[in-house]
Amino acid sequence: MTQTVINYAKVLYELQIPDEIIMEAETYFQNVPELCSALANPVIPLNEKYAVIEDLFTDQMKNFLKTVCKNGRMRQIREIFDVYQTYSKSQRNILQATLVYVTEPTEEQKEKFKVFLKERYGCRGVELKLLEDRELIGGFVLRAGEREFDWSIRGRIKQLEQKLIRR
């Protein structure tokens, strides 16, 4: 990720465009990969690219996308949207965390993880991404910010191995 992508993502956030509109634009680019290719193609005249943007996108997104297009950054639009999502959540004090598990947690357990993280990090909300990993053997690993909380059987085995090696 380049500083340019970060800057575009921050500008997009500062425009205060509703999330639904940004997500709609992001969906266009995900579902129609040729759109990004066409808008990034240097052979296609800028006025034709602008006409496509005018036809497809809402008024709030048009100027931003035209600027991205004019500056030759359209190939990075998906990355800009990804960084925007992360930046937007951090500005709203929403922690992004990942729970790696063997057995999928219940809704009650998910809520307990969120409460734990809210208390630990003092954040307003938690977005919990779930990933299954049978290699953990049992238990779970919770990743948030720079921390990793490893309560897996695989993690316990590694700790035991390290203690035995030190002796």
N, C-alpha and C. Protein backbone atom coordinates (compact mmCIF):
# COMPACT_ATOMS: atom_id res chain seq x y z
N MET A 1 0.85 -1.18 0.00
CA MET A 1 0.00 0.00 0.00
C MET A 1 0.90 1.24 0.00
N THR A 2 0.61 2.12 -0.91
CA THR A 2 1.43 3.32 -1.05
C THR A 2 0.80 4.48 -0.28
N GLN A 3 1.58 5.50 -0.06
CA GLN A 3 1.07 6.70 0.61
C GLN A 3 -0.01 7.36 -0.24
N THR A 4 0.12 7.25 -1.55
CA THR A 4 -0.89 7.82 -2.44
C THR A 4 -2.25 7.17 -2.21
N VAL A 5 -2.28 5.85 -2.09
CA VAL A 5 -3.52 5.12 -1.82
C VAL A 5 -4.11 5.57 -0.49
N ILE A 6 -3.27 5.69 0.51
CA ILE A 6 -3.72 6.15 1.84
C ILE A 6 -4.32 7.54 1.74
N ASN A 7 -3.65 8.42 1.00
CA ASN A 7 -4.14 9.79 0.85
C ASN A 7 -5.51 9.83 0.16
N TYR A 8 -5.67 9.04 -0.89
CA TYR A 8 -6.97 8.99 -1.57
C TYR A 8 -8.05 8.46 -0.63
N ALA A 9 -7.72 7.44 0.15
CA ALA A 9 -8.69 6.87 1.10
C ALA A 9 -9.10 7.92 2.14
N LYS A 10 -8.14 8.68 2.62
CA LYS A 10 -8.44 9.73 3.61
C LYS A 10 -9.31 10.82 3.00
N VAL A 11 -9.01 11.20 1.76
CA VAL A 11 -9.83 12.20 1.08
C VAL A 11 -11.25 11.68 0.92
N LEU A 12 -11.39 10.44 0.52
CA LEU A 12 -12.72 9.84 0.37
C LEU A 12 -13.48 9.89 1.70
N TYR A 13 -12.78 9.60 2.78
CA TYR A 13 -13.41 9.67 4.11
C TYR A 13 -13.83 11.11 4.43
N GLU A 14 -12.95 12.06 4.16
CA GLU A 14 -13.23 13.46 4.47
C GLU A 14 -14.40 14.03 3.66
N LEU A 15 -14.70 13.43 2.52
CA LEU A 15 -15.84 13.88 1.71
C LEU A 15 -17.18 13.57 2.38
N GLN A 16 -17.15 12.71 3.38
CA GLN A 16 -18.34 12.35 4.15
C GLN A 16 -19.48 11.84 3.27
N ILE A 17 -19.11 11.01 2.32
CA ILE A 17 -20.10 10.36 1.46
C ILE A 17 -20.67 9.19 2.25
N PRO A 18 -21.98 9.01 2.25
CA PRO A 18 -22.56 7.89 3.01
C PRO A 18 -21.96 6.54 2.61
N ASP A 19 -21.76 5.67 3.59
CA ASP A 19 -21.14 4.36 3.36
C ASP A 19 -21.86 3.56 2.27
N GLU A 20 -23.19 3.67 2.23
CA GLU A 20 -23.95 2.89 1.25
C GLU A 20 -23.55 3.27 -0.18
N ILE A 21 -23.31 4.54 -0.41
CA ILE A 21 -22.95 5.01 -1.74
C ILE A 21 -21.54 4.54 -2.10
N ILE A 22 -20.64 4.59 -1.14
CA ILE A 22 -19.27 4.11 -1.39
C ILE A 22 -19.28 2.61 -1.64
N MET A 23 -20.07 1.89 -0.86
CA MET A 23 -20.16 0.44 -1.05
C MET A 23 -20.77 0.10 -2.41
N GLU A 24 -21.71 0.90 -2.86
CA GLU A 24 -22.33 0.68 -4.17
C GLU A 24 -21.27 0.84 -5.27
N ALA A 25 -20.47 1.89 -5.17
CA ALA A 25 -19.40 2.11 -6.15
C ALA A 25 -18.38 0.98 -6.10
N GLU A 26 -18.04 0.57 -4.90
CA GLU A 26 -17.08 -0.53 -4.72
C GLU A 26 -17.63 -1.81 -5.37
N THR A 27 -18.91 -2.05 -5.22
CA THR A 27 -19.55 -3.23 -5.81
C THR A 27 -19.48 -3.19 -7.33
N TYR A 28 -19.68 -2.01 -7.93
CA TYR A 28 -19.54 -1.88 -9.39
C TYR A 28 -18.18 -2.39 -9.84
N PHE A 29 -17.14 -1.92 -9.15
CA PHE A 29 -15.78 -2.28 -9.56
C PHE A 29 -15.49 -3.76 -9.30
N GLN A 30 -16.07 -4.33 -8.26
CA GLN A 30 -15.87 -5.76 -7.98
C GLN A 30 -16.60 -6.63 -9.00
N ASN A 31 -17.82 -6.26 -9.32
CA ASN A 31 -18.64 -7.09 -10.20
C ASN A 31 -18.32 -6.92 -11.69
N VAL A 32 -17.74 -5.79 -12.04
CA VAL A 32 -17.42 -5.52 -13.45
C VAL A 32 -15.95 -5.11 -13.54
N PRO A 33 -15.04 -6.10 -13.54
CA PRO A 33 -13.61 -5.78 -13.59
C PRO A 33 -13.21 -4.98 -14.83
N GLU A 34 -13.97 -5.15 -15.92
CA GLU A 34 -13.66 -4.41 -17.16
C GLU A 34 -13.82 -2.91 -16.96
N LEU A 35 -14.67 -2.52 -16.01
CA LEU A 35 -14.89 -1.09 -15.73
C LEU A 35 -13.59 -0.44 -15.29
N CYS A 36 -12.91 -1.06 -14.37
CA CYS A 36 -11.63 -0.53 -13.88
C CYS A 36 -10.61 -0.48 -15.03
N SER A 37 -10.57 -1.54 -15.81
CA SER A 37 -9.63 -1.59 -16.94
C SER A 37 -9.90 -0.47 -17.93
N ALA A 38 -11.17 -0.26 -18.25
CA ALA A 38 -11.52 0.79 -19.22
C ALA A 38 -11.19 2.17 -18.69
N LEU A 39 -11.50 2.42 -17.41
CA LEU A 39 -11.23 3.75 -16.83
C LEU A 39 -9.74 3.99 -16.61
N ALA A 40 -8.96 2.92 -16.58
CA ALA A 40 -7.51 3.07 -16.40
C ALA A 40 -6.77 3.06 -17.73
N ASN A 41 -7.44 2.72 -18.80
CA ASN A 41 -6.82 2.60 -20.11
C ASN A 41 -6.39 3.97 -20.64
N PRO A 42 -5.09 4.16 -20.89
CA PRO A 42 -4.62 5.47 -21.35
C PRO A 42 -5.04 5.80 -22.79
N VAL A 43 -5.46 4.82 -23.55
CA VAL A 43 -5.88 5.04 -24.94
C VAL A 43 -7.28 5.67 -25.01
N ILE A 44 -8.11 5.37 -24.04
CA ILE A 44 -9.48 5.91 -24.02
C ILE A 44 -9.42 7.37 -23.57
N PRO A 45 -10.02 8.27 -24.34
CA PRO A 45 -9.99 9.70 -23.99
C PRO A 45 -10.69 9.96 -22.63
N LEU A 46 -10.18 10.95 -21.93
CA LEU A 46 -10.68 11.29 -20.61
C LEU A 46 -12.17 11.66 -20.64
N ASN A 47 -12.60 12.36 -21.68
CA ASN A 47 -14.02 12.75 -21.74
C ASN A 47 -14.94 11.53 -21.85
N GLU A 48 -14.48 10.47 -22.51
CA GLU A 48 -15.27 9.23 -22.58
C GLU A 48 -15.32 8.53 -21.23
N LYS A 49 -14.21 8.57 -20.52
CA LYS A 49 -14.18 7.99 -19.17
C LYS A 49 -15.14 8.76 -18.25
N TYR A 50 -15.10 10.08 -18.36
CA TYR A 50 -16.00 10.90 -17.55
C TYR A 50 -17.47 10.60 -17.87
N ALA A 51 -17.78 10.34 -19.14
CA ALA A 51 -19.15 10.02 -19.53
C ALA A 51 -19.61 8.72 -18.88
N VAL A 52 -18.73 7.74 -18.80
CA VAL A 52 -19.05 6.47 -18.14
C VAL A 52 -19.31 6.71 -16.65
N ILE A 53 -18.45 7.50 -16.03
CA ILE A 53 -18.62 7.82 -14.60
C ILE A 53 -19.93 8.54 -14.38
N GLU A 54 -20.26 9.48 -15.24
CA GLU A 54 -21.52 10.22 -15.13
C GLU A 54 -22.73 9.29 -15.23
N ASP A 55 -22.65 8.30 -16.10
CA ASP A 55 -23.78 7.38 -16.31
C ASP A 55 -23.95 6.38 -15.17
N LEU A 56 -22.86 5.95 -14.56
CA LEU A 56 -22.94 4.84 -13.61
C LEU A 56 -23.04 5.24 -12.13
N PHE A 57 -22.44 6.35 -11.76
CA PHE A 57 -22.28 6.64 -10.34
C PHE A 57 -23.15 7.80 -9.88
N THR A 58 -23.42 7.80 -8.57
CA THR A 58 -24.20 8.88 -7.97
C THR A 58 -23.39 10.16 -7.93
N ASP A 59 -24.10 11.27 -7.79
CA ASP A 59 -23.44 12.59 -7.81
C ASP A 59 -22.32 12.69 -6.78
N GLN A 60 -22.52 12.11 -5.60
CA GLN A 60 -21.51 12.25 -4.55
C GLN A 60 -20.18 11.57 -4.90
N MET A 61 -20.22 10.53 -5.74
CA MET A 61 -19.00 9.79 -6.08
C MET A 61 -18.33 10.30 -7.36
N LYS A 62 -19.07 10.99 -8.19
CA LYS A 62 -18.56 11.36 -9.52
C LYS A 62 -17.26 12.15 -9.47
N ASN A 63 -17.20 13.22 -8.70
CA ASN A 63 -16.00 14.06 -8.69
C ASN A 63 -14.79 13.30 -8.17
N PHE A 64 -15.00 12.51 -7.13
CA PHE A 64 -13.89 11.73 -6.59
C PHE A 64 -13.35 10.77 -7.65
N LEU A 65 -14.24 10.03 -8.30
CA LEU A 65 -13.81 9.06 -9.31
C LEU A 65 -13.18 9.74 -10.53
N LYS A 66 -13.69 10.90 -10.91
CA LYS A 66 -13.08 11.64 -12.02
C LYS A 66 -11.66 12.06 -11.66
N THR A 67 -11.45 12.49 -10.43
CA THR A 67 -10.11 12.89 -9.99
C THR A 67 -9.17 11.69 -10.00
N VAL A 68 -9.64 10.56 -9.48
CA VAL A 68 -8.82 9.34 -9.49
C VAL A 68 -8.47 8.98 -10.93
N CYS A 69 -9.44 9.08 -11.79
CA CYS A 69 -9.25 8.75 -13.21
C CYS A 69 -8.26 9.72 -13.87
N LYS A 70 -8.47 11.00 -13.67
CA LYS A 70 -7.62 12.03 -14.27
C LYS A 70 -6.16 11.87 -13.83
N ASN A 71 -5.96 11.48 -12.57
CA ASN A 71 -4.60 11.34 -12.04
C ASN A 71 -3.98 9.97 -12.30
N GLY A 72 -4.67 9.15 -13.08
CA GLY A 72 -4.11 7.86 -13.47
C GLY A 72 -4.00 6.85 -12.34
N ARG A 73 -4.92 6.90 -11.39
CA ARG A 73 -4.88 6.01 -10.23
C ARG A 73 -6.02 4.98 -10.21
N MET A 74 -6.73 4.85 -11.31
CA MET A 74 -7.90 3.99 -11.34
C MET A 74 -7.54 2.52 -11.10
N ARG A 75 -6.35 2.09 -11.48
CA ARG A 75 -5.95 0.70 -11.24
C ARG A 75 -5.86 0.41 -9.74
N GLN A 76 -5.76 1.44 -8.92
CA GLN A 76 -5.64 1.27 -7.47
C GLN A 76 -6.98 1.48 -6.75
N ILE A 77 -8.07 1.57 -7.49
CA ILE A 77 -9.34 1.93 -6.86
C ILE A 77 -9.79 0.90 -5.83
N ARG A 78 -9.60 -0.38 -6.10
CA ARG A 78 -10.01 -1.40 -5.11
C ARG A 78 -9.20 -1.26 -3.83
N GLU A 79 -7.92 -1.01 -3.99
CA GLU A 79 -7.05 -0.82 -2.83
C GLU A 79 -7.45 0.45 -2.07
N ILE A 80 -7.82 1.49 -2.78
CA ILE A 80 -8.29 2.73 -2.14
C ILE A 80 -9.54 2.44 -1.31
N PHE A 81 -10.47 1.67 -1.87
CA PHE A 81 -11.68 1.32 -1.12
C PHE A 81 -11.35 0.49 0.12
N ASP A 82 -10.41 -0.45 0.00
CA ASP A 82 -10.02 -1.28 1.16
C ASP A 82 -9.43 -0.43 2.27
N VAL A 83 -8.52 0.46 1.90
CA VAL A 83 -7.89 1.34 2.89
C VAL A 83 -8.93 2.29 3.49
N TYR A 84 -9.85 2.76 2.66
CA TYR A 84 -10.94 3.61 3.15
C TYR A 84 -11.72 2.90 4.25
N GLN A 85 -12.08 1.64 4.01
CA GLN A 85 -12.87 0.90 5.00
C GLN A 85 -12.12 0.81 6.33
N THR A 86 -10.85 0.48 6.28
CA THR A 86 -10.04 0.37 7.49
C THR A 86 -9.92 1.73 8.18
N TYR A 87 -9.63 2.76 7.41
CA TYR A 87 -9.46 4.11 7.97
C TYR A 87 -10.77 4.61 8.58
N SER A 88 -11.86 4.38 7.89
CA SER A 88 -13.17 4.82 8.37
C SER A 88 -13.51 4.16 9.71
N LYS A 89 -13.24 2.89 9.82
CA LYS A 89 -13.51 2.18 11.09
C LYS A 89 -12.63 2.70 12.21
N SER A 90 -11.38 2.95 11.91
CA SER A 90 -10.48 3.46 12.96
C SER A 90 -10.91 4.86 13.42
N GLN A 91 -11.38 5.69 12.49
CA GLN A 91 -11.84 7.04 12.84
C GLN A 91 -13.11 6.99 13.69
N ARG A 92 -13.91 5.95 13.50
CA ARG A 92 -15.14 5.80 14.28
C ARG A 92 -14.92 4.96 15.53
N ASN A 93 -13.64 4.65 15.82
CA ASN A 93 -13.25 3.89 17.00
C ASN A 93 -13.86 2.48 17.00
N ILE A 94 -13.82 1.85 15.83
CA ILE A 94 -14.29 0.47 15.70
C ILE A 94 -13.06 -0.41 15.47
N LEU A 95 -12.86 -1.33 16.39
CA LEU A 95 -11.71 -2.22 16.34
C LEU A 95 -11.99 -3.38 15.39
N GLN A 96 -11.03 -3.68 14.54
CA GLN A 96 -11.15 -4.85 13.67
C GLN A 96 -10.34 -5.97 14.30
N ALA A 97 -11.00 -7.11 14.51
CA ALA A 97 -10.36 -8.25 15.15
C ALA A 97 -10.66 -9.51 14.36
N THR A 98 -9.80 -10.51 14.52
CA THR A 98 -9.99 -11.79 13.85
C THR A 98 -9.99 -12.88 14.90
N LEU A 99 -10.98 -13.75 14.83
CA LEU A 99 -11.07 -14.90 15.72
C LEU A 99 -10.86 -16.15 14.86
N VAL A 100 -9.78 -16.87 15.15
CA VAL A 100 -9.47 -18.10 14.45
C VAL A 100 -9.91 -19.24 15.38
N TYR A 101 -10.68 -20.18 14.86
CA TYR A 101 -11.29 -21.21 15.70
C TYR A 101 -11.26 -22.57 15.02
N VAL A 102 -11.54 -23.61 15.82
CA VAL A 102 -11.74 -24.96 15.30
C VAL A 102 -13.25 -25.20 15.23
N THR A 103 -13.93 -24.90 16.33
CA THR A 103 -15.38 -25.02 16.40
C THR A 103 -15.96 -23.61 16.43
N GLU A 104 -16.86 -23.33 15.49
CA GLU A 104 -17.42 -21.98 15.39
C GLU A 104 -18.11 -21.59 16.70
N PRO A 105 -17.80 -20.38 17.21
CA PRO A 105 -18.41 -19.95 18.47
C PRO A 105 -19.90 -19.62 18.30
N THR A 106 -20.63 -19.73 19.39
CA THR A 106 -22.03 -19.35 19.39
C THR A 106 -22.14 -17.83 19.38
N GLU A 107 -23.33 -17.32 19.16
CA GLU A 107 -23.55 -15.87 19.19
C GLU A 107 -23.18 -15.30 20.56
N GLU A 108 -23.52 -16.04 21.61
CA GLU A 108 -23.21 -15.58 22.97
C GLU A 108 -21.69 -15.49 23.17
N GLN A 109 -20.96 -16.48 22.68
CA GLN A 109 -19.50 -16.44 22.79
C GLN A 109 -18.91 -15.29 21.98
N LYS A 110 -19.45 -15.05 20.79
CA LYS A 110 -18.97 -13.92 19.97
C LYS A 110 -19.16 -12.61 20.72
N GLU A 111 -20.30 -12.46 21.36
CA GLU A 111 -20.57 -11.24 22.13
C GLU A 111 -19.58 -11.09 23.27
N LYS A 112 -19.24 -12.19 23.93
CA LYS A 112 -18.27 -12.14 25.02
C LYS A 112 -16.89 -11.71 24.52
N PHE A 113 -16.51 -12.19 23.34
CA PHE A 113 -15.24 -11.75 22.75
C PHE A 113 -15.28 -10.24 22.48
N LYS A 114 -16.38 -9.77 21.96
CA LYS A 114 -16.52 -8.34 21.65
C LYS A 114 -16.46 -7.50 22.93
N VAL A 115 -17.14 -7.95 23.98
CA VAL A 115 -17.11 -7.23 25.26
C VAL A 115 -15.68 -7.20 25.80
N PHE A 116 -14.99 -8.34 25.74
CA PHE A 116 -13.60 -8.41 26.19
C PHE A 116 -12.74 -7.39 25.44
N LEU A 117 -12.88 -7.35 24.11
CA LEU A 117 -12.07 -6.45 23.30
C LEU A 117 -12.43 -4.98 23.55
N LYS A 118 -13.71 -4.68 23.72
CA LYS A 118 -14.13 -3.30 24.01
C LYS A 118 -13.50 -2.83 25.31
N GLU A 119 -13.53 -3.68 26.32
CA GLU A 119 -12.94 -3.31 27.62
C GLU A 119 -11.43 -3.19 27.51
N ARG A 120 -10.81 -4.09 26.80
CA ARG A 120 -9.35 -4.12 26.68
C ARG A 120 -8.82 -2.91 25.90
N TYR A 121 -9.52 -2.54 24.82
CA TYR A 121 -9.03 -1.49 23.93
C TYR A 121 -9.79 -0.17 24.07
N GLY A 122 -10.84 -0.15 24.86
CA GLY A 122 -11.60 1.08 25.06
C GLY A 122 -12.24 1.60 23.78
N CYS A 123 -12.67 0.69 22.94
CA CYS A 123 -13.26 1.11 21.67
C CYS A 123 -14.79 1.10 21.76
N ARG A 124 -15.40 1.76 20.80
CA ARG A 124 -16.85 1.88 20.78
C ARG A 124 -17.51 0.63 20.21
N GLY A 125 -16.84 -0.02 19.26
CA GLY A 125 -17.40 -1.21 18.63
C GLY A 125 -16.31 -2.15 18.17
N VAL A 126 -16.71 -3.37 17.86
CA VAL A 126 -15.76 -4.39 17.39
C VAL A 126 -16.35 -5.07 16.17
N GLU A 127 -15.55 -5.15 15.13
CA GLU A 127 -15.91 -5.93 13.96
C GLU A 127 -15.09 -7.21 14.02
N LEU A 128 -15.78 -8.33 14.22
CA LEU A 128 -15.11 -9.61 14.44
C LEU A 128 -15.18 -10.46 13.17
N LYS A 129 -14.02 -10.72 12.60
CA LYS A 129 -13.92 -11.58 11.42
C LYS A 129 -13.63 -12.99 11.91
N LEU A 130 -14.33 -13.97 11.38
CA LEU A 130 -14.18 -15.36 11.81
C LEU A 130 -13.47 -16.19 10.75
N LEU A 131 -12.48 -16.98 11.19
CA LEU A 131 -11.75 -17.87 10.30
C LEU A 131 -11.62 -19.25 10.94
N GLU A 132 -11.93 -20.27 10.20
CA GLU A 132 -11.78 -21.64 10.70
C GLU A 132 -10.38 -22.14 10.39
N ASP A 133 -9.76 -22.83 11.37
CA ASP A 133 -8.43 -23.41 11.18
C ASP A 133 -8.35 -24.68 12.02
N ARG A 134 -8.49 -25.81 11.39
CA ARG A 134 -8.48 -27.11 12.09
C ARG A 134 -7.11 -27.42 12.69
N GLU A 135 -6.06 -26.78 12.19
CA GLU A 135 -4.71 -27.04 12.70
C GLU A 135 -4.51 -26.53 14.12
N LEU A 136 -5.43 -25.73 14.62
CA LEU A 136 -5.33 -25.27 16.01
C LEU A 136 -5.57 -26.43 16.99
N ILE A 137 -6.15 -27.50 16.52
CA ILE A 137 -6.52 -28.70 17.27
C ILE A 137 -7.73 -28.44 18.16
N GLY A 138 -7.70 -27.37 18.90
CA GLY A 138 -8.81 -26.97 19.76
C GLY A 138 -8.56 -25.56 20.24
N GLY A 139 -9.56 -24.94 20.84
CA GLY A 139 -9.41 -23.58 21.35
C GLY A 139 -9.53 -22.55 20.25
N PHE A 140 -8.85 -21.42 20.45
CA PHE A 140 -8.97 -20.32 19.48
C PHE A 140 -7.80 -19.37 19.61
N VAL A 141 -7.65 -18.52 18.60
CA VAL A 141 -6.67 -17.43 18.60
C VAL A 141 -7.44 -16.16 18.27
N LEU A 142 -7.25 -15.14 19.09
CA LEU A 142 -7.92 -13.86 18.88
C LEU A 142 -6.85 -12.81 18.57
N ARG A 143 -6.99 -12.17 17.39
CA ARG A 143 -6.02 -11.14 16.98
C ARG A 143 -6.73 -9.80 16.91
N ALA A 144 -6.14 -8.81 17.56
CA ALA A 144 -6.70 -7.46 17.55
C ALA A 144 -5.56 -6.47 17.71
N GLY A 145 -5.55 -5.46 16.85
CA GLY A 145 -4.46 -4.49 16.91
C GLY A 145 -3.14 -5.21 16.71
N GLU A 146 -2.21 -4.96 17.57
CA GLU A 146 -0.89 -5.59 17.49
C GLU A 146 -0.80 -6.84 18.37
N ARG A 147 -1.88 -7.20 19.04
CA ARG A 147 -1.86 -8.31 20.00
C ARG A 147 -2.48 -9.58 19.43
N GLU A 148 -2.00 -10.69 19.95
CA GLU A 148 -2.58 -11.98 19.64
C GLU A 148 -2.76 -12.73 20.95
N PHE A 149 -3.97 -13.17 21.18
CA PHE A 149 -4.30 -13.95 22.37
C PHE A 149 -4.49 -15.40 21.90
N ASP A 150 -3.54 -16.26 22.25
CA ASP A 150 -3.56 -17.64 21.75
C ASP A 150 -3.99 -18.59 22.86
N TRP A 151 -5.22 -19.05 22.75
CA TRP A 151 -5.75 -20.03 23.68
C TRP A 151 -6.05 -21.33 22.94
N SER A 152 -5.19 -21.66 22.00
CA SER A 152 -5.38 -22.88 21.21
C SER A 152 -4.52 -24.00 21.79
N ILE A 153 -4.89 -25.21 21.47
CA ILE A 153 -4.10 -26.36 21.91
C ILE A 153 -2.75 -26.34 21.19
N ARG A 154 -2.75 -25.98 19.91
CA ARG A 154 -1.48 -25.88 19.17
C ARG A 154 -0.55 -24.88 19.84
N GLY A 155 -1.11 -23.73 20.26
CA GLY A 155 -0.31 -22.71 20.94
C GLY A 155 0.24 -23.19 22.27
N ARG A 156 -0.56 -23.94 23.01
CA ARG A 156 -0.11 -24.50 24.30
C ARG A 156 1.00 -25.52 24.10
N ILE A 157 0.89 -26.32 23.04
CA ILE A 157 1.93 -27.30 22.74
C ILE A 157 3.24 -26.58 22.42
N LYS A 158 3.18 -25.51 21.64
CA LYS A 158 4.38 -24.74 21.31
C LYS A 158 5.02 -24.15 22.57
N GLN A 159 4.18 -23.64 23.47
CA GLN A 159 4.70 -23.09 24.73
C GLN A 159 5.41 -24.17 25.55
N LEU A 160 4.81 -25.34 25.61
CA LEU A 160 5.41 -26.45 26.35
C LEU A 160 6.73 -26.87 25.71
N GLU A 161 6.78 -26.95 24.37
CA GLU A 161 8.02 -27.28 23.67
C GLU A 161 9.12 -26.27 24.01
N GLN A 162 8.78 -24.99 24.03
CA GLN A 162 9.78 -23.94 24.32
C GLN A 162 10.29 -24.07 25.76
N LYS A 163 9.41 -24.39 26.69
CA LYS A 163 9.84 -24.57 28.09
C LYS A 163 10.78 -25.76 28.21
N LEU A 164 10.47 -26.85 27.50
CA LEU A 164 11.31 -28.03 27.57
C LEU A 164 12.67 -27.79 26.92
N ILE A 165 12.70 -27.01 25.85
CA ILE A 165 13.96 -26.72 25.15
C ILE A 165 14.88 -25.87 26.02
N ARG A 166 14.30 -24.96 26.79
CA ARG A 166 15.09 -24.05 27.64
C ARG A 166 15.79 -24.80 28.78
N ARG A 167 15.28 -25.94 29.16
CA ARG A 167 15.86 -26.68 30.31
C ARG A 167 17.12 -27.37 29.97
